[in-house]
Amino acid sequence: MNTYELTLLFAENKDTERERVLKVIADFVKKHKGEVNKAESWGAKHAAYPINKQGVFVYEHFLLSLAPDSQVELNRILKLDESIVRYLFVRV
């Protein structure tokens, strides 16, 4: 098992979409016998520059333990989800 940090940016007014994505991530980790070591909501913050004509985003941060092959699949799921504005998925 490897440890990964995952940080997600969501549009400020998309609470239902954000909750859906957080549930998808938690279910994925559980299904692949991983572990969510830490889940934090950093709240709404101003970005350094506008993205899609928006300047304020809601930040979510996770510390995950996953198998390397599961990381590839979760990365693909995150890329395809249109409600995620930006994300950063790195191995610690």
Foldseek 3Di string as FASTA:
>chain_A
DFKKKKKFWFAQPPVVLVVVVVVVVVVLCVVQVKDWPDKDWPQKDFDPDDQPNDGIITMIMTIMGGDPVSVVVVVVVVVPDPRTRDMDMGTD
